[in-house]
Amino acid sequence: MGIEVPMLADMAASVPPGLRERKKLDTRMALSDAALVLMFERGLENVVREDIAAQAGVSVRTFTNYFANKYEALAYRQIERMRRTVEMLRARPAGEPLWEAVTAAVLAPLVDDGVNRRPPTREQLAEAAKLTAVPEVYAAFTREVTGDLAAAVAARTGTDAERDLYPRLVAGAVVVAYQAAIEVYVRAEPPVFLTVPLREAFTRIAAGLPDPSA
């Protein structure tokens, strides 16, 4: 009786789905981290997908399987954090005021990732500022997170993410506040942690965005 050699497709099928998804997430994260490292080392305009793939130790084909361009790779870190925000928002206490829950859920992934351990350098902020001006980055962030965020808000508020305006308004406000906070963060003098303008943004929204000149 001969020994059967499994085909690659059979081997892939035998890998538990959870492990396959974990490997995909790890690859996405490695590519995103590589893109960020290169951006800070060389400048945004000098980063190309071939170098990102080499930095992450994968082929260019693997890169294109995960991201359409370098901007999607650079945006992924924030997208992944916002996905954790959605999970945390769903897990927040039911009786907690909405904007307190949103603030805690948005800030937690940043704190968990250690963004408050060391302030950014001015050189890093200069490169990050270039990134905020790229439409593809904002588009990728908005496309990937708004729907899931609206669904989480709907679950907390007893509304319908498909039919009701409220959860979509809240999700849109969160995304815009995040982007606005990043734009303030990259231009702050002296430099501050990203959590500072984010907390201020949500505090102002929760208060109804009062006119600061009044």
Foldseek 3Di string as FASTA:
>chain_A
DDDDDDDPVVVVVPPPPVVVVVVVVVLLLLLLVLLLVCCLVPNNVPDFLCSSCVSSVHHSVSVVVNDVTSLLSPLVVLLVLLVQLLVQLLVPDLPDPNLVSSLCSNCVSCVVVPLQVDFDDLSSLVRLLVSLPDPVSLVSSCVRRQQSQLVSVCVSVVHDSVPDDVSSVVSVLLSVQLSVLSNCQSVDVPHDGSSVSSVVSSVCVVVVNDDPVD
